[in-house]
Amino acid sequence: MLKEKILIADDDPDILDVIRITLESEGYEVIEAHDGKEAVDMVKKSTPDLLITDFKMPK
C-alpha cells in the first residue's frame, strides 16, 4: 500500500523538522519546500495528497 504523501512548506527549518518527524512517525511520506515558489513547483511535480504551509513566506 502506498503511503499518503504530505508536502510541508515553511521557511523555518526548525518548524519543518518538527512537522516532518511527527508525520513520518505516523507513517506518512513527507516532502519539504523552503519557500512558496519551491512549494508550487513541488505540487506540480509530486502531486501530494495534502499541503501544509506557512502563511507568510518569501517568494
PDB file of N, CA and C in Angstrom:
ATOM      1  N   MET A   1       0.847  -1.186   0.000  1.00  0.00           N
ATOM      2  CA  MET A   1       0.000   0.000   0.000  1.00  0.00           C
ATOM      3  C   MET A   1       0.888   1.243   0.000  1.00  0.00           C
ATOM      4  N   LEU A   2       0.525   2.217  -0.823  1.00  0.00           N
ATOM      5  CA  LEU A   2       1.295   3.445  -0.903  1.00  0.00           C
ATOM      6  C   LEU A   2       1.017   4.336   0.302  1.00  0.00           C
ATOM      7  N   LYS A   3       2.083   4.983   0.773  1.00  0.00           N
ATOM      8  CA  LYS A   3       1.912   5.943   1.865  1.00  0.00           C
ATOM      9  C   LYS A   3       1.297   7.218   1.306  1.00  0.00           C
ATOM     10  N   GLU A   4       0.484   7.869   2.119  1.00  0.00           N
ATOM     11  CA  GLU A   4      -0.039   9.175   1.725  1.00  0.00           C
ATOM     12  C   GLU A   4       1.105  10.175   1.786  1.00  0.00           C
ATOM     13  N   LYS A   5       1.186  11.030   0.762  1.00  0.00           N
ATOM     14  CA  LYS A   5       2.288  11.976   0.635  1.00  0.00           C
ATOM     15  C   LYS A   5       1.840  13.361   1.091  1.00  0.00           C
ATOM     16  N   ILE A   6       2.605  13.955   1.999  1.00  0.00           N
ATOM     17  CA  ILE A   6       2.299  15.285   2.520  1.00  0.00           C
ATOM     18  C   ILE A   6       3.467  16.216   2.212  1.00  0.00           C
ATOM     19  N   LEU A   7       3.150  17.358   1.634  1.00  0.00           N
ATOM     20  CA  LEU A   7       4.139  18.403   1.384  1.00  0.00           C
ATOM     21  C   LEU A   7       4.016  19.436   2.492  1.00  0.00           C
ATOM     22  N   ILE A   8       5.127  19.708   3.167  1.00  0.00           N
ATOM     23  CA  ILE A   8       5.141  20.783   4.158  1.00  0.00           C
ATOM     24  C   ILE A   8       6.019  21.908   3.617  1.00  0.00           C
ATOM     25  N   ALA A   9       5.520  23.125   3.710  1.00  0.00           N
ATOM     26  CA  ALA A   9       6.222  24.287   3.190  1.00  0.00           C
ATOM     27  C   ALA A   9       6.361  25.322   4.296  1.00  0.00           C
ATOM     28  N   ASP A  10       7.608  25.628   4.629  1.00  0.00           N
ATOM     29  CA  ASP A  10       7.885  26.620   5.670  1.00  0.00           C
ATOM     30  C   ASP A  10       9.311  27.108   5.486  1.00  0.00           C
ATOM     31  N   ASP A  11       9.542  28.384   5.758  1.00  0.00           N
ATOM     32  CA  ASP A  11      10.892  28.922   5.632  1.00  0.00           C
ATOM     33  C   ASP A  11      11.706  28.746   6.912  1.00  0.00           C
ATOM     34  N   ASP A  12      11.120  28.204   7.951  1.00  0.00           N
ATOM     35  CA  ASP A  12      11.821  27.958   9.217  1.00  0.00           C
ATOM     36  C   ASP A  12      12.210  26.478   9.288  1.00  0.00           C
ATOM     37  N   PRO A  13      13.511  26.171   9.203  1.00  0.00           N
ATOM     38  CA  PRO A  13      13.934  24.766   9.198  1.00  0.00           C
ATOM     39  C   PRO A  13      13.565  24.009  10.468  1.00  0.00           C
ATOM     40  N   ASP A  14      13.494  24.691  11.594  1.00  0.00           N
ATOM     41  CA  ASP A  14      13.115  24.020  12.843  1.00  0.00           C
ATOM     42  C   ASP A  14      11.658  23.553  12.800  1.00  0.00           C
ATOM     43  N   ILE A  15      10.789  24.377  12.249  1.00  0.00           N
ATOM     44  CA  ILE A  15       9.378  24.005  12.107  1.00  0.00           C
ATOM     45  C   ILE A  15       9.249  22.818  11.152  1.00  0.00           C
ATOM     46  N   LEU A  16       9.975  22.882  10.037  1.00  0.00           N
ATOM     47  CA  LEU A  16       9.951  21.767   9.084  1.00  0.00           C
ATOM     48  C   LEU A  16      10.357  20.463   9.758  1.00  0.00           C
ATOM     49  N   ASP A  17      11.417  20.512  10.555  1.00  0.00           N
ATOM     50  CA  ASP A  17      11.904  19.304  11.231  1.00  0.00           C
ATOM     51  C   ASP A  17      10.857  18.718  12.170  1.00  0.00           C
ATOM     52  N   VAL A  18      10.241  19.560  12.983  1.00  0.00           N
ATOM     53  CA  VAL A  18       9.244  19.081  13.950  1.00  0.00           C
ATOM     54  C   VAL A  18       8.054  18.442  13.232  1.00  0.00           C
ATOM     55  N   ILE A  19       7.556  19.119  12.205  1.00  0.00           N
ATOM     56  CA  ILE A  19       6.403  18.584  11.476  1.00  0.00           C
ATOM     57  C   ILE A  19       6.783  17.299  10.745  1.00  0.00           C
ATOM     58  N   ARG A  20       7.951  17.294  10.087  1.00  0.00           N
ATOM     59  CA  ARG A  20       8.390  16.105   9.354  1.00  0.00           C
ATOM     60  C   ARG A  20       8.531  14.902  10.274  1.00  0.00           C
ATOM     61  N   ILE A  21       9.201  15.072  11.398  1.00  0.00           N
ATOM     62  CA  ILE A  21       9.405  13.973  12.350  1.00  0.00           C
ATOM     63  C   ILE A  21       8.065  13.439  12.845  1.00  0.00           C
ATOM     64  N   THR A  22       7.155  14.342  13.171  1.00  0.00           N
ATOM     65  CA  THR A  22       5.836  13.930  13.664  1.00  0.00           C
ATOM     66  C   THR A  22       5.067  13.143  12.608  1.00  0.00           C
ATOM     67  N   LEU A  23       5.037  13.657  11.390  1.00  0.00           N
ATOM     68  CA  LEU A  23       4.276  12.987  10.334  1.00  0.00           C
ATOM     69  C   LEU A  23       4.902  11.655   9.930  1.00  0.00           C
ATOM     70  N   GLU A  24       6.223  11.612   9.837  1.00  0.00           N
ATOM     71  CA  GLU A  24       6.886  10.354   9.486  1.00  0.00           C
ATOM     72  C   GLU A  24       6.665   9.291  10.556  1.00  0.00           C
ATOM     73  N   SER A  25       6.615   9.709  11.814  1.00  0.00           N
ATOM     74  CA  SER A  25       6.375   8.740  12.887  1.00  0.00           C
ATOM     75  C   SER A  25       4.961   8.154  12.813  1.00  0.00           C
ATOM     76  N   GLU A  26       4.064   8.854  12.120  1.00  0.00           N
ATOM     77  CA  GLU A  26       2.693   8.364  11.924  1.00  0.00           C
ATOM     78  C   GLU A  26       2.544   7.598  10.607  1.00  0.00           C
ATOM     79  N   GLY A  27       3.652   7.444   9.880  1.00  0.00           N
ATOM     80  CA  GLY A  27       3.633   6.623   8.674  1.00  0.00           C
ATOM     81  C   GLY A  27       3.432   7.352   7.359  1.00  0.00           C
ATOM     82  N   TYR A  28       3.479   8.675   7.362  1.00  0.00           N
ATOM     83  CA  TYR A  28       3.297   9.439   6.132  1.00  0.00           C
ATOM     84  C   TYR A  28       4.626   9.626   5.412  1.00  0.00           C
ATOM     85  N   GLU A  29       4.552   9.742   4.088  1.00  0.00           N
ATOM     86  CA  GLU A  29       5.706  10.153   3.298  1.00  0.00           C
ATOM     87  C   GLU A  29       5.697  11.678   3.299  1.00  0.00           C
ATOM     88  N   VAL A  30       6.822  12.292   3.622  1.00  0.00           N
ATOM     89  CA  VAL A  30       6.880  13.746   3.750  1.00  0.00           C
ATOM     90  C   VAL A  30       7.892  14.314   2.762  1.00  0.00           C
ATOM     91  N   ILE A  31       7.472  15.356   2.054  1.00  0.00           N
ATOM     92  CA  ILE A  31       8.384  16.127   1.228  1.00  0.00           C
ATOM     93  C   ILE A  31       8.342  17.563   1.730  1.00  0.00           C
ATOM     94  N   GLU A  32       9.445  18.291   1.533  1.00  0.00           N
ATOM     95  CA  GLU A  32       9.575  19.631   2.105  1.00  0.00           C
ATOM     96  C   GLU A  32       9.863  20.678   1.036  1.00  0.00           C
ATOM     97  N   ALA A  33       9.343  21.879   1.272  1.00  0.00           N
ATOM     98  CA  ALA A  33       9.664  23.049   0.467  1.00  0.00           C
ATOM     99  C   ALA A  33      10.054  24.170   1.426  1.00  0.00           C
ATOM    100  N   HIS A  34      11.013  24.983   1.005  1.00  0.00           N
ATOM    101  CA  HIS A  34      11.546  26.025   1.887  1.00  0.00           C
ATOM    102  C   HIS A  34      11.044  27.426   1.562  1.00  0.00           C
ATOM    103  N   ASP A  35      10.253  27.547   0.501  1.00  0.00           N
ATOM    104  CA  ASP A  35       9.613  28.824   0.179  1.00  0.00           C
ATOM    105  C   ASP A  35       8.410  28.550  -0.718  1.00  0.00           C
ATOM    106  N   GLY A  36       7.649  29.577  -0.983  1.00  0.00           N
ATOM    107  CA  GLY A  36       6.422  29.408  -1.747  1.00  0.00           C
ATOM    108  C   GLY A  36       6.640  28.926  -3.169  1.00  0.00           C
ATOM    109  N   LYS A  37       7.656  29.462  -3.839  1.00  0.00           N
ATOM    110  CA  LYS A  37       7.930  29.049  -5.216  1.00  0.00           C
ATOM    111  C   LYS A  37       8.297  27.574  -5.275  1.00  0.00           C
ATOM    112  N   GLU A  38       9.141  27.139  -4.362  1.00  0.00           N
ATOM    113  CA  GLU A  38       9.526  25.731  -4.323  1.00  0.00           C
ATOM    114  C   GLU A  38       8.297  24.849  -4.048  1.00  0.00           C
ATOM    115  N   ALA A  39       7.404  25.313  -3.193  1.00  0.00           N
ATOM    116  CA  ALA A  39       6.187  24.551  -2.886  1.00  0.00           C
ATOM    117  C   ALA A  39       5.316  24.386  -4.129  1.00  0.00           C
ATOM    118  N   VAL A  40       5.133  25.462  -4.885  1.00  0.00           N
ATOM    119  CA  VAL A  40       4.328  25.387  -6.107  1.00  0.00           C
ATOM    120  C   VAL A  40       4.962  24.413  -7.098  1.00  0.00           C
ATOM    121  N   ASP A  41       6.279  24.495  -7.264  1.00  0.00           N
ATOM    122  CA  ASP A  41       6.980  23.583  -8.172  1.00  0.00           C
ATOM    123  C   ASP A  41       6.817  22.128  -7.731  1.00  0.00           C
ATOM    124  N   MET A  42       6.895  21.877  -6.435  1.00  0.00           N
ATOM    125  CA  MET A  42       6.784  20.511  -5.922  1.00  0.00           C
ATOM    126  C   MET A  42       5.361  19.970  -6.046  1.00  0.00           C
ATOM    127  N   VAL A  43       4.365  20.831  -5.904  1.00  0.00           N
ATOM    128  CA  VAL A  43       2.974  20.395  -6.087  1.00  0.00           C
ATOM    129  C   VAL A  43       2.780  19.927  -7.529  1.00  0.00           C
ATOM    130  N   LYS A  44       3.337  20.671  -8.473  1.00  0.00           N
ATOM    131  CA  LYS A  44       3.213  20.299  -9.884  1.00  0.00           C
ATOM    132  C   LYS A  44       3.934  18.983 -10.179  1.00  0.00           C
ATOM    133  N   LYS A  45       5.081  18.778  -9.540  1.00  0.00           N
ATOM    134  CA  LYS A  45       5.915  17.612  -9.818  1.00  0.00           C
ATOM    135  C   LYS A  45       5.494  16.377  -9.026  1.00  0.00           C
ATOM    136  N   SER A  46       5.141  16.553  -7.773  1.00  0.00           N
ATOM    137  CA  SER A  46       4.952  15.415  -6.873  1.00  0.00           C
ATOM    138  C   SER A  46       3.497  15.072  -6.572  1.00  0.00           C
ATOM    139  N   THR A  47       2.585  15.951  -6.888  1.00  0.00           N
ATOM    140  CA  THR A  47       1.156  15.777  -6.581  1.00  0.00           C
ATOM    141  C   THR A  47       0.903  15.168  -5.198  1.00  0.00           C
ATOM    142  N   PRO A  48       1.195  15.948  -4.135  1.00  0.00           N
ATOM    143  CA  PRO A  48       0.963  15.439  -2.776  1.00  0.00           C
ATOM    144  C   PRO A  48      -0.530  15.288  -2.481  1.00  0.00           C
ATOM    145  N   ASP A  49      -0.821  14.463  -1.483  1.00  0.00           N
ATOM    146  CA  ASP A  49      -2.203  14.279  -1.040  1.00  0.00           C
ATOM    147  C   ASP A  49      -2.664  15.432  -0.153  1.00  0.00           C
ATOM    148  N   LEU A  50      -1.700  16.085   0.506  1.00  0.00           N
ATOM    149  CA  LEU A  50      -2.009  17.178   1.426  1.00  0.00           C
ATOM    150  C   LEU A  50      -0.855  18.165   1.418  1.00  0.00           C
ATOM    151  N   LEU A  51      -1.171  19.453   1.528  1.00  0.00           N
ATOM    152  CA  LEU A  51      -0.170  20.510   1.637  1.00  0.00           C
ATOM    153  C   LEU A  51      -0.384  21.237   2.958  1.00  0.00           C
ATOM    154  N   ILE A  52       0.673  21.310   3.750  1.00  0.00           N
ATOM    155  CA  ILE A  52       0.658  22.098   4.986  1.00  0.00           C
ATOM    156  C   ILE A  52       1.646  23.230   4.756  1.00  0.00           C
ATOM    157  N   THR A  53       1.171  24.475   4.868  1.00  0.00           N
ATOM    158  CA  THR A  53       2.040  25.593   4.514  1.00  0.00           C
ATOM    159  C   THR A  53       1.990  26.722   5.537  1.00  0.00           C
ATOM    160  N   ASP A  54       3.102  27.411   5.632  1.00  0.00           N
ATOM    161  CA  ASP A  54       3.212  28.637   6.399  1.00  0.00           C
ATOM    162  C   ASP A  54       2.490  29.719   5.595  1.00  0.00           C
ATOM    163  N   PHE A  55       1.803  30.609   6.272  1.00  0.00           N
ATOM    164  CA  PHE A  55       1.049  31.653   5.591  1.00  0.00           C
ATOM    165  C   PHE A  55       1.960  32.738   5.026  1.00  0.00           C
ATOM    166  N   LYS A  56       2.995  33.118   5.770  1.00  0.00           N
ATOM    167  CA  LYS A  56       3.897  34.190   5.342  1.00  0.00           C
ATOM    168  C   LYS A  56       5.281  33.614   5.086  1.00  0.00           C
ATOM    169  N   MET A  57       5.624  33.543   3.806  1.00  0.00           N
ATOM    170  CA  MET A  57       6.940  33.050   3.401  1.00  0.00           C
ATOM    171  C   MET A  57       7.469  33.914   2.272  1.00  0.00           C
ATOM    172  N   PRO A  58       8.795  33.960   2.140  1.00  0.00           N
ATOM    173  CA  PRO A  58       9.354  34.665   0.990  1.00  0.00           C
ATOM    174  C   PRO A  58       9.053  33.899  -0.297  1.00  0.00           C
ATOM    175  N   LYS A  59       9.029  34.595  -1.385  1.00  0.00           N
ATOM    176  CA  LYS A  59       8.802  34.046  -2.728  1.00  0.00           C
ATOM    177  C   LYS A  59       7.436  33.447  -2.799  1.00  0.00           C
TER     178      LYS A  59
END
